């Protein structure tokens, strides 16, 4: 069995309220093992046969729509990918851990749309952005809350959805996965 984390977008924000107990139960009903939630923002740890994570992401999107009437997306990563989301982030250790994020993307971002994102954001704020595997690394410098580098801004330019976690939370999640 492989240990995974599903990082759900838009859980317990903007009116999309789901109890973590209900979310755990939904995973258990789908026969995932050792289900555990971390923080009340849609991080679900579970064990499952080793398989490509894209199929799991599709399954979870369907599960959330069917069980909770919630159209969302989940980025699924194994323990090595979660570790890399912290260690490979070029801003880890440079920026403040609660401002440095990895934005997990639903697919690999192409270079041209990423370059457009960087160009369109130039002059809009102090944030730093780098491209990672199926992810963006972001240092929000002054915090994500007041930033103009929003998920909607990013998604319009890249043409794909994403969900972000700060490196402090990711390190905590990885420790629970180990």
N, C-alpha and C. Protein backbone atom coordinates (compact mmCIF):
# COMPACT_ATOMS: atom_id res chain seq x y z
N UNK A 1 0.84 -1.19 0.00
CA UNK A 1 0.00 0.00 0.00
C UNK A 1 0.88 1.25 0.00
N UNK A 2 0.42 2.25 -0.68
CA UNK A 2 1.11 3.53 -0.76
C UNK A 2 0.33 4.55 0.05
N UNK A 3 1.05 5.42 0.74
CA UNK A 3 0.42 6.50 1.52
C UNK A 3 0.31 7.72 0.62
N UNK A 4 -0.88 8.29 0.56
CA UNK A 4 -1.16 9.46 -0.26
C UNK A 4 -1.77 10.56 0.60
N UNK A 5 -1.74 11.78 0.04
CA UNK A 5 -2.53 12.87 0.59
C UNK A 5 -3.33 13.48 -0.55
N UNK A 6 -4.62 13.65 -0.31
CA UNK A 6 -5.50 14.38 -1.24
C UNK A 6 -5.64 15.78 -0.68
N UNK A 7 -5.21 16.76 -1.47
CA UNK A 7 -5.32 18.17 -1.11
C UNK A 7 -6.52 18.72 -1.87
N UNK A 8 -7.64 18.92 -1.17
CA UNK A 8 -8.84 19.42 -1.82
C UNK A 8 -8.83 20.93 -1.92
N UNK A 9 -9.34 21.43 -3.03
CA UNK A 9 -9.50 22.86 -3.21
C UNK A 9 -10.87 23.27 -2.66
N UNK A 10 -10.93 24.44 -2.09
CA UNK A 10 -12.20 25.07 -1.69
C UNK A 10 -13.01 24.29 -0.67
N UNK A 11 -12.34 23.63 0.26
CA UNK A 11 -13.05 22.95 1.34
C UNK A 11 -13.02 23.85 2.57
N UNK A 12 -14.18 24.07 3.15
CA UNK A 12 -14.36 24.90 4.34
C UNK A 12 -13.94 26.35 4.13
N UNK A 13 -14.12 26.81 2.89
CA UNK A 13 -13.98 28.22 2.56
C UNK A 13 -15.11 28.58 1.60
N UNK A 14 -15.53 29.83 1.61
CA UNK A 14 -16.55 30.28 0.67
C UNK A 14 -17.86 29.51 0.73
N UNK A 15 -18.22 29.02 1.90
CA UNK A 15 -19.50 28.33 2.05
C UNK A 15 -19.48 26.85 1.76
N UNK A 16 -18.35 26.31 1.33
CA UNK A 16 -18.23 24.87 1.04
C UNK A 16 -17.83 24.12 2.31
N UNK A 17 -18.75 24.01 3.23
CA UNK A 17 -18.49 23.40 4.53
C UNK A 17 -18.74 21.90 4.53
N UNK A 18 -17.72 21.16 4.95
CA UNK A 18 -17.81 19.71 5.11
C UNK A 18 -17.08 19.37 6.40
N UNK A 19 -17.70 18.58 7.23
CA UNK A 19 -16.97 18.17 8.43
C UNK A 19 -15.90 17.16 8.03
N UNK A 20 -14.82 17.17 8.76
CA UNK A 20 -13.74 16.24 8.46
C UNK A 20 -14.19 14.80 8.74
N UNK A 21 -15.10 14.62 9.69
CA UNK A 21 -15.64 13.29 9.97
C UNK A 21 -16.41 12.77 8.75
N UNK A 22 -17.21 13.63 8.12
CA UNK A 22 -17.94 13.23 6.92
C UNK A 22 -16.99 12.93 5.76
N UNK A 23 -15.95 13.71 5.64
CA UNK A 23 -14.97 13.49 4.59
C UNK A 23 -14.23 12.16 4.79
N UNK A 24 -13.83 11.90 6.03
CA UNK A 24 -13.18 10.61 6.34
C UNK A 24 -14.13 9.45 6.02
N UNK A 25 -15.39 9.57 6.41
CA UNK A 25 -16.37 8.52 6.16
C UNK A 25 -16.53 8.26 4.66
N UNK A 26 -16.55 9.33 3.87
CA UNK A 26 -16.67 9.17 2.41
C UNK A 26 -15.49 8.37 1.85
N UNK A 27 -14.29 8.64 2.35
CA UNK A 27 -13.11 7.89 1.91
C UNK A 27 -13.20 6.42 2.34
N UNK A 28 -13.62 6.21 3.56
CA UNK A 28 -13.74 4.84 4.07
C UNK A 28 -14.79 4.05 3.30
N UNK A 29 -15.88 4.70 2.90
CA UNK A 29 -16.92 4.04 2.10
C UNK A 29 -16.38 3.61 0.74
N UNK A 30 -15.37 4.33 0.25
CA UNK A 30 -14.75 3.98 -1.04
C UNK A 30 -13.62 2.96 -0.85
N UNK A 31 -13.50 2.45 0.38
CA UNK A 31 -12.55 1.39 0.73
C UNK A 31 -11.08 1.83 0.74
N UNK A 32 -10.84 3.10 1.04
CA UNK A 32 -9.48 3.55 1.29
C UNK A 32 -9.15 3.22 2.74
N UNK A 33 -7.90 2.95 3.02
CA UNK A 33 -7.50 2.51 4.35
C UNK A 33 -6.70 3.58 5.08
N UNK A 34 -6.69 3.47 6.43
CA UNK A 34 -5.94 4.38 7.30
C UNK A 34 -6.22 5.84 6.97
N UNK A 35 -7.49 6.18 6.84
CA UNK A 35 -7.92 7.53 6.47
C UNK A 35 -7.76 8.46 7.66
N UNK A 36 -7.16 9.60 7.42
CA UNK A 36 -6.93 10.60 8.47
C UNK A 36 -6.98 11.98 7.83
N UNK A 37 -7.61 12.93 8.49
CA UNK A 37 -7.59 14.30 8.00
C UNK A 37 -6.58 15.10 8.81
N UNK A 38 -6.01 16.09 8.15
CA UNK A 38 -5.02 16.96 8.79
C UNK A 38 -5.48 18.39 8.56
N UNK A 39 -5.79 19.09 9.63
CA UNK A 39 -6.32 20.45 9.59
C UNK A 39 -7.68 20.40 8.89
N UNK A 40 -8.54 21.32 9.19
CA UNK A 40 -9.92 21.28 8.67
C UNK A 40 -10.04 21.97 7.31
N UNK A 41 -9.04 21.82 6.46
CA UNK A 41 -9.08 22.50 5.17
C UNK A 41 -9.00 21.54 3.99
N UNK A 42 -9.35 20.27 4.23
CA UNK A 42 -9.42 19.34 3.11
C UNK A 42 -8.13 18.64 2.77
N UNK A 43 -7.35 18.24 3.76
CA UNK A 43 -6.16 17.43 3.55
C UNK A 43 -6.47 16.04 4.10
N UNK A 44 -6.50 15.04 3.22
CA UNK A 44 -6.89 13.70 3.63
C UNK A 44 -5.76 12.72 3.32
N UNK A 45 -5.26 12.08 4.37
CA UNK A 45 -4.24 11.04 4.22
C UNK A 45 -4.94 9.71 4.10
N UNK A 46 -4.40 8.83 3.25
CA UNK A 46 -5.01 7.51 3.09
C UNK A 46 -4.00 6.56 2.45
N UNK A 47 -4.26 5.29 2.62
CA UNK A 47 -3.45 4.23 2.00
C UNK A 47 -4.27 3.62 0.87
N UNK A 48 -3.58 3.30 -0.22
CA UNK A 48 -4.23 2.67 -1.36
C UNK A 48 -3.16 2.01 -2.21
N UNK A 49 -3.59 1.11 -3.07
CA UNK A 49 -2.64 0.47 -3.99
C UNK A 49 -1.89 1.54 -4.77
N UNK A 50 -0.62 1.27 -5.04
CA UNK A 50 0.19 2.19 -5.82
C UNK A 50 -0.40 2.31 -7.23
N UNK A 51 -0.72 3.54 -7.63
CA UNK A 51 -1.30 3.77 -8.95
C UNK A 51 -1.11 5.23 -9.34
N UNK A 52 -1.31 5.57 -10.60
CA UNK A 52 -1.18 6.97 -11.02
C UNK A 52 -2.19 7.84 -10.28
N UNK A 53 -1.75 8.97 -9.81
CA UNK A 53 -2.61 9.82 -8.99
C UNK A 53 -3.71 10.51 -9.79
N UNK A 54 -3.54 10.65 -11.10
CA UNK A 54 -4.56 11.33 -11.89
C UNK A 54 -5.91 10.59 -11.81
N UNK A 55 -5.89 9.27 -11.82
CA UNK A 55 -7.14 8.50 -11.70
C UNK A 55 -7.81 8.72 -10.35
N UNK A 56 -7.00 8.82 -9.30
CA UNK A 56 -7.55 9.10 -7.98
C UNK A 56 -8.17 10.49 -7.94
N UNK A 57 -7.54 11.46 -8.58
CA UNK A 57 -8.07 12.82 -8.60
C UNK A 57 -9.45 12.85 -9.25
N UNK A 58 -9.61 12.12 -10.35
CA UNK A 58 -10.92 12.04 -11.01
C UNK A 58 -11.96 11.37 -10.11
N UNK A 59 -11.55 10.30 -9.44
CA UNK A 59 -12.46 9.60 -8.53
C UNK A 59 -12.93 10.52 -7.41
N UNK A 60 -12.01 11.30 -6.83
CA UNK A 60 -12.39 12.18 -5.73
C UNK A 60 -13.29 13.33 -6.18
N UNK A 61 -13.05 13.86 -7.37
CA UNK A 61 -13.92 14.91 -7.89
C UNK A 61 -15.34 14.37 -8.02
N UNK A 62 -15.47 13.17 -8.55
CA UNK A 62 -16.80 12.53 -8.69
C UNK A 62 -17.42 12.26 -7.31
N UNK A 63 -16.61 11.75 -6.38
CA UNK A 63 -17.09 11.45 -5.04
C UNK A 63 -17.62 12.72 -4.35
N UNK A 64 -16.91 13.81 -4.48
CA UNK A 64 -17.33 15.05 -3.81
C UNK A 64 -18.63 15.58 -4.42
N UNK A 65 -18.78 15.43 -5.71
CA UNK A 65 -20.00 15.88 -6.36
C UNK A 65 -21.19 15.01 -5.95
N UNK A 66 -20.98 13.71 -5.96
CA UNK A 66 -22.06 12.77 -5.62
C UNK A 66 -22.46 12.84 -4.14
N UNK A 67 -21.49 12.87 -3.26
CA UNK A 67 -21.78 12.79 -1.82
C UNK A 67 -22.11 14.14 -1.18
N UNK A 68 -21.45 15.21 -1.68
CA UNK A 68 -21.58 16.50 -1.01
C UNK A 68 -22.11 17.61 -1.91
N UNK A 69 -22.44 17.27 -3.16
CA UNK A 69 -22.89 18.26 -4.14
C UNK A 69 -21.90 19.43 -4.24
N UNK A 70 -20.63 19.07 -4.25
CA UNK A 70 -19.56 20.07 -4.28
C UNK A 70 -18.66 19.80 -5.47
N UNK A 71 -18.57 20.77 -6.35
CA UNK A 71 -17.70 20.65 -7.51
C UNK A 71 -16.34 21.21 -7.11
N UNK A 72 -15.39 20.31 -6.95
CA UNK A 72 -14.05 20.69 -6.52
C UNK A 72 -13.04 19.79 -7.20
N UNK A 73 -11.82 20.02 -6.87
CA UNK A 73 -10.75 19.20 -7.42
C UNK A 73 -9.80 18.87 -6.29
N UNK A 74 -9.16 17.72 -6.40
CA UNK A 74 -8.17 17.30 -5.41
C UNK A 74 -6.86 17.01 -6.12
N UNK A 75 -5.79 17.54 -5.59
CA UNK A 75 -4.45 17.18 -6.04
C UNK A 75 -3.99 16.04 -5.14
N UNK A 76 -3.66 14.91 -5.71
CA UNK A 76 -3.24 13.76 -4.93
C UNK A 76 -1.74 13.58 -5.13
N UNK A 77 -1.04 13.47 -4.00
CA UNK A 77 0.42 13.30 -4.05
C UNK A 77 0.83 12.21 -3.06
N UNK A 78 1.87 11.46 -3.41
CA UNK A 78 2.40 10.46 -2.48
C UNK A 78 3.40 11.14 -1.54
N UNK A 79 3.93 10.39 -0.59
CA UNK A 79 4.81 10.98 0.43
C UNK A 79 6.06 11.62 -0.19
N UNK A 80 6.65 10.97 -1.19
CA UNK A 80 7.84 11.55 -1.84
C UNK A 80 7.51 12.87 -2.51
N UNK A 81 6.34 12.96 -3.13
CA UNK A 81 5.94 14.20 -3.80
C UNK A 81 5.65 15.31 -2.79
N UNK A 82 5.10 14.96 -1.64
CA UNK A 82 4.84 15.97 -0.60
C UNK A 82 6.18 16.47 -0.04
N UNK A 83 7.10 15.55 0.21
CA UNK A 83 8.43 15.94 0.68
C UNK A 83 9.09 16.88 -0.33
N UNK A 84 9.03 16.53 -1.61
CA UNK A 84 9.63 17.35 -2.66
C UNK A 84 8.96 18.73 -2.75
N UNK A 85 7.67 18.81 -2.44
CA UNK A 85 6.96 20.09 -2.48
C UNK A 85 7.53 21.08 -1.47
N UNK A 86 8.16 20.56 -0.43
CA UNK A 86 8.83 21.41 0.56
C UNK A 86 10.30 21.60 0.17
N UNK A 87 11.00 20.49 -0.03
CA UNK A 87 12.45 20.54 -0.24
C UNK A 87 12.85 21.15 -1.57
N UNK A 88 12.05 20.96 -2.61
CA UNK A 88 12.39 21.48 -3.93
C UNK A 88 11.89 22.90 -4.16
N UNK A 89 11.08 23.40 -3.25
CA UNK A 89 10.58 24.76 -3.36
C UNK A 89 11.76 25.70 -3.15
N UNK A 90 12.13 26.50 -4.16
CA UNK A 90 13.32 27.35 -4.04
C UNK A 90 13.19 28.45 -3.00
N UNK A 91 11.99 28.69 -2.50
CA UNK A 91 11.78 29.75 -1.51
C UNK A 91 11.77 29.23 -0.07
N UNK A 92 11.77 27.90 0.10
CA UNK A 92 11.83 27.31 1.43
C UNK A 92 13.15 27.70 2.09
N UNK A 93 13.05 28.21 3.31
CA UNK A 93 14.24 28.63 4.04
C UNK A 93 14.68 30.04 3.73
N UNK A 94 14.10 30.64 2.69
CA UNK A 94 14.42 32.02 2.33
C UNK A 94 13.29 32.94 2.80
N UNK A 95 12.06 32.60 2.39
CA UNK A 95 10.89 33.34 2.83
C UNK A 95 10.35 32.74 4.12
N UNK A 96 9.37 33.41 4.70
CA UNK A 96 8.74 32.90 5.92
C UNK A 96 7.88 31.69 5.57
N UNK A 97 8.01 30.62 6.35
CA UNK A 97 7.34 29.35 6.04
C UNK A 97 5.83 29.49 5.83
N UNK A 98 5.19 30.38 6.54
CA UNK A 98 3.74 30.50 6.38
C UNK A 98 3.37 31.34 5.14
N UNK A 99 4.36 31.98 4.50
CA UNK A 99 4.12 32.74 3.27
C UNK A 99 4.60 31.99 2.03
N UNK A 100 5.43 30.97 2.22
CA UNK A 100 5.95 30.18 1.10
C UNK A 100 5.01 29.00 0.86
N UNK A 101 4.49 28.91 -0.36
CA UNK A 101 3.48 27.91 -0.71
C UNK A 101 3.92 27.06 -1.89
N UNK A 102 3.35 25.87 -1.94
CA UNK A 102 3.37 25.07 -3.16
C UNK A 102 1.93 25.00 -3.61
N UNK A 103 1.70 25.42 -4.84
CA UNK A 103 0.37 25.34 -5.46
C UNK A 103 0.36 24.08 -6.31
N UNK A 104 -0.37 23.07 -5.86
CA UNK A 104 -0.47 21.82 -6.59
C UNK A 104 -1.43 22.01 -7.76
N UNK A 105 -0.99 21.66 -8.95
CA UNK A 105 -1.79 21.83 -10.16
C UNK A 105 -2.39 20.50 -10.60
N UNK A 106 -3.49 20.57 -11.32
CA UNK A 106 -4.14 19.36 -11.80
C UNK A 106 -3.37 18.69 -12.93
N UNK A 107 -2.46 19.40 -13.53
CA UNK A 107 -1.61 18.82 -14.57
C UNK A 107 -0.33 19.66 -14.68
N UNK A 108 0.58 19.18 -15.48
CA UNK A 108 1.84 19.88 -15.69
C UNK A 108 1.56 21.21 -16.41
N UNK A 109 2.13 22.30 -15.91
CA UNK A 109 1.97 23.59 -16.57
C UNK A 109 2.96 23.69 -17.73
N UNK A 110 2.50 24.26 -18.81
CA UNK A 110 3.38 24.47 -19.96
C UNK A 110 4.18 25.75 -19.76
N UNK A 111 5.36 25.81 -20.37
CA UNK A 111 6.28 26.93 -20.18
C UNK A 111 5.69 28.25 -20.68
N UNK A 112 5.07 28.28 -21.85
CA UNK A 112 4.57 29.54 -22.41
C UNK A 112 3.49 30.17 -21.51
N UNK A 113 2.47 29.42 -21.06
CA UNK A 113 1.50 30.02 -20.15
C UNK A 113 2.14 30.45 -18.82
N UNK A 114 3.13 29.69 -18.34
CA UNK A 114 3.81 30.09 -17.10
C UNK A 114 4.53 31.42 -17.31
N UNK A 115 5.23 31.56 -18.43
CA UNK A 115 5.92 32.82 -18.72
C UNK A 115 4.94 33.98 -18.82
N UNK A 116 3.76 33.73 -19.40
CA UNK A 116 2.72 34.76 -19.47
C UNK A 116 2.24 35.13 -18.06
N UNK A 117 2.07 34.15 -17.21
CA UNK A 117 1.68 34.40 -15.82
C UNK A 117 2.69 35.33 -15.15
N UNK A 118 3.96 35.01 -15.27
CA UNK A 118 5.01 35.82 -14.66
C UNK A 118 4.99 37.24 -15.24
N UNK A 119 4.87 37.35 -16.56
CA UNK A 119 4.85 38.67 -17.21
C UNK A 119 3.62 39.47 -16.79
N UNK A 120 2.45 38.84 -16.74
CA UNK A 120 1.22 39.53 -16.36
C UNK A 120 1.25 39.97 -14.90
N UNK A 121 1.98 39.24 -14.08
CA UNK A 121 2.04 39.60 -12.66
C UNK A 121 3.11 40.66 -12.36
N UNK A 122 4.03 40.83 -13.25
CA UNK A 122 5.12 41.80 -13.03
C UNK A 122 4.54 43.17 -12.67
N UNK A 123 5.04 43.74 -11.58
CA UNK A 123 4.59 45.05 -11.13
C UNK A 123 3.33 45.04 -10.30
N UNK A 124 2.69 43.90 -10.14
CA UNK A 124 1.44 43.81 -9.36
C UNK A 124 1.68 43.51 -7.89
N UNK A 125 2.89 43.06 -7.54
CA UNK A 125 3.18 42.72 -6.15
C UNK A 125 4.56 42.13 -6.01
N UNK A 126 4.99 41.91 -4.76
CA UNK A 126 6.35 41.43 -4.51
C UNK A 126 6.53 39.91 -4.61
N UNK A 127 5.47 39.18 -4.92
CA UNK A 127 5.53 37.72 -4.93
C UNK A 127 6.58 37.21 -5.92
N UNK A 128 7.14 36.05 -5.54
CA UNK A 128 8.09 35.36 -6.41
C UNK A 128 7.45 34.03 -6.80
N UNK A 129 7.63 33.63 -8.07
CA UNK A 129 7.00 32.43 -8.60
C UNK A 129 8.04 31.59 -9.32
N UNK A 130 7.98 30.28 -9.11
CA UNK A 130 8.83 29.34 -9.84
C UNK A 130 7.99 28.15 -10.26
N UNK A 131 8.39 27.52 -11.35
CA UNK A 131 7.68 26.38 -11.89
C UNK A 131 8.25 25.10 -11.31
N UNK A 132 7.36 24.20 -10.88
CA UNK A 132 7.75 22.90 -10.36
C UNK A 132 6.99 21.80 -11.08
N UNK A 133 7.22 20.55 -10.73
CA UNK A 133 6.48 19.45 -11.35
C UNK A 133 5.02 19.43 -10.89
N UNK A 134 4.11 19.60 -11.83
CA UNK A 134 2.67 19.70 -11.54
C UNK A 134 2.41 20.67 -10.39
N UNK A 135 3.19 21.74 -10.33
CA UNK A 135 3.05 22.69 -9.23
C UNK A 135 3.70 24.02 -9.58
N UNK A 136 3.34 25.01 -8.78
CA UNK A 136 4.04 26.29 -8.76
C UNK A 136 4.56 26.48 -7.35
N UNK A 137 5.71 27.08 -7.25
CA UNK A 137 6.26 27.47 -5.96
C UNK A 137 6.08 28.99 -5.86
N UNK A 138 5.53 29.44 -4.74
CA UNK A 138 5.22 30.86 -4.59
C UNK A 138 5.68 31.34 -3.23
N UNK A 139 6.38 32.47 -3.22
CA UNK A 139 6.67 33.18 -1.97
C UNK A 139 5.77 34.40 -1.99
N UNK A 140 4.76 34.40 -1.11
CA UNK A 140 3.81 35.50 -1.06
C UNK A 140 4.37 36.73 -0.35
N UNK A 141 5.55 36.67 0.18
CA UNK A 141 6.31 37.76 0.79
C UNK A 141 5.52 38.48 1.88
N UNK A 142 4.40 39.13 1.52
CA UNK A 142 3.58 39.88 2.49
C UNK A 142 2.31 39.15 2.89
N UNK A 143 2.18 37.90 2.48
CA UNK A 143 1.00 37.11 2.81
C UNK A 143 0.09 36.91 1.62
N UNK A 144 -0.58 35.77 1.58
CA UNK A 144 -1.46 35.43 0.45
C UNK A 144 -2.78 36.19 0.50
N UNK A 145 -3.22 36.56 1.70
CA UNK A 145 -4.53 37.19 1.85
C UNK A 145 -4.71 38.49 1.09
N UNK A 146 -3.70 39.31 1.04
CA UNK A 146 -3.80 40.61 0.37
C UNK A 146 -3.18 40.59 -1.02
N UNK A 147 -2.69 39.45 -1.45
CA UNK A 147 -1.98 39.35 -2.72
C UNK A 147 -2.92 39.44 -3.91
N UNK A 148 -2.42 40.04 -4.98
CA UNK A 148 -3.15 40.05 -6.25
C UNK A 148 -2.85 38.79 -7.06
N UNK A 149 -1.93 37.98 -6.59
CA UNK A 149 -1.61 36.72 -7.23
C UNK A 149 -2.55 35.65 -6.66
N UNK A 150 -3.79 35.70 -7.11
CA UNK A 150 -4.83 34.81 -6.60
C UNK A 150 -4.89 33.52 -7.43
N UNK A 151 -5.58 32.53 -6.89
CA UNK A 151 -5.77 31.29 -7.66
C UNK A 151 -6.48 31.58 -8.98
N UNK A 152 -7.48 32.45 -8.96
CA UNK A 152 -8.21 32.77 -10.19
C UNK A 152 -7.27 33.40 -11.22
N UNK A 153 -6.41 34.31 -10.80
CA UNK A 153 -5.43 34.95 -11.68
C UNK A 153 -4.51 33.89 -12.30
N UNK A 154 -4.03 32.98 -11.46
CA UNK A 154 -3.12 31.92 -11.91
C UNK A 154 -3.85 30.96 -12.85
N UNK A 155 -5.03 30.52 -12.47
CA UNK A 155 -5.77 29.54 -13.25
C UNK A 155 -6.14 30.06 -14.63
N UNK A 156 -6.49 31.35 -14.72
CA UNK A 156 -6.82 31.93 -16.04
C UNK A 156 -5.61 31.89 -16.97
N UNK A 157 -4.44 32.09 -16.44
CA UNK A 157 -3.24 32.12 -17.29
C UNK A 157 -2.71 30.72 -17.61
N UNK A 158 -2.78 29.82 -16.66
CA UNK A 158 -2.26 28.47 -16.90
C UNK A 158 -3.28 27.53 -17.54
N UNK A 159 -4.56 27.87 -17.39
CA UNK A 159 -5.60 27.01 -17.95
C UNK A 159 -5.82 25.73 -17.17
N UNK A 160 -5.44 25.74 -15.90
CA UNK A 160 -5.70 24.57 -15.05
C UNK A 160 -5.88 25.03 -13.60
N UNK A 161 -6.54 24.17 -12.84
CA UNK A 161 -6.84 24.49 -11.45
C UNK A 161 -5.67 24.10 -10.54
N UNK A 162 -5.70 24.69 -9.34
CA UNK A 162 -4.69 24.35 -8.36
C UNK A 162 -5.19 24.60 -6.95
N UNK A 163 -4.48 24.06 -6.00
CA UNK A 163 -4.78 24.28 -4.58
C UNK A 163 -3.45 24.39 -3.84
N UNK A 164 -3.33 25.39 -3.00
CA UNK A 164 -2.04 25.71 -2.37
C UNK A 164 -2.03 25.35 -0.89
N UNK A 165 -0.83 25.00 -0.43
CA UNK A 165 -0.55 24.79 0.99
C UNK A 165 0.81 25.42 1.29
N UNK A 166 0.93 25.99 2.50
CA UNK A 166 2.23 26.56 2.84
C UNK A 166 3.19 25.44 3.26
N UNK A 167 4.48 25.75 3.20
CA UNK A 167 5.47 24.70 3.44
C UNK A 167 5.45 24.22 4.89
N UNK A 168 5.03 25.05 5.80
CA UNK A 168 4.90 24.61 7.19
C UNK A 168 3.85 23.50 7.30
N UNK A 169 2.69 23.70 6.67
CA UNK A 169 1.65 22.68 6.67
C UNK A 169 2.10 21.43 5.92
N UNK A 170 2.79 21.62 4.81
CA UNK A 170 3.26 20.47 4.03
C UNK A 170 4.26 19.64 4.81
N UNK A 171 5.14 20.29 5.56
CA UNK A 171 6.11 19.54 6.38
C UNK A 171 5.37 18.75 7.45
N UNK A 172 4.35 19.34 8.03
CA UNK A 172 3.55 18.65 9.05
C UNK A 172 2.82 17.46 8.44
N UNK A 173 2.25 17.64 7.26
CA UNK A 173 1.55 16.55 6.58
C UNK A 173 2.52 15.44 6.22
N UNK A 174 3.70 15.81 5.70
CA UNK A 174 4.68 14.79 5.34
C UNK A 174 5.11 13.98 6.57
N UNK A 175 5.29 14.64 7.70
CA UNK A 175 5.68 13.94 8.93
C UNK A 175 4.61 12.91 9.31
N UNK A 176 3.34 13.23 9.11
CA UNK A 176 2.26 12.28 9.42
C UNK A 176 2.22 11.13 8.41
N UNK A 177 2.69 11.39 7.19
CA UNK A 177 2.68 10.36 6.16
C UNK A 177 3.80 9.34 6.35
N UNK A 178 4.88 9.76 6.98
CA UNK A 178 6.07 8.91 7.10
C UNK A 178 5.82 7.74 8.05
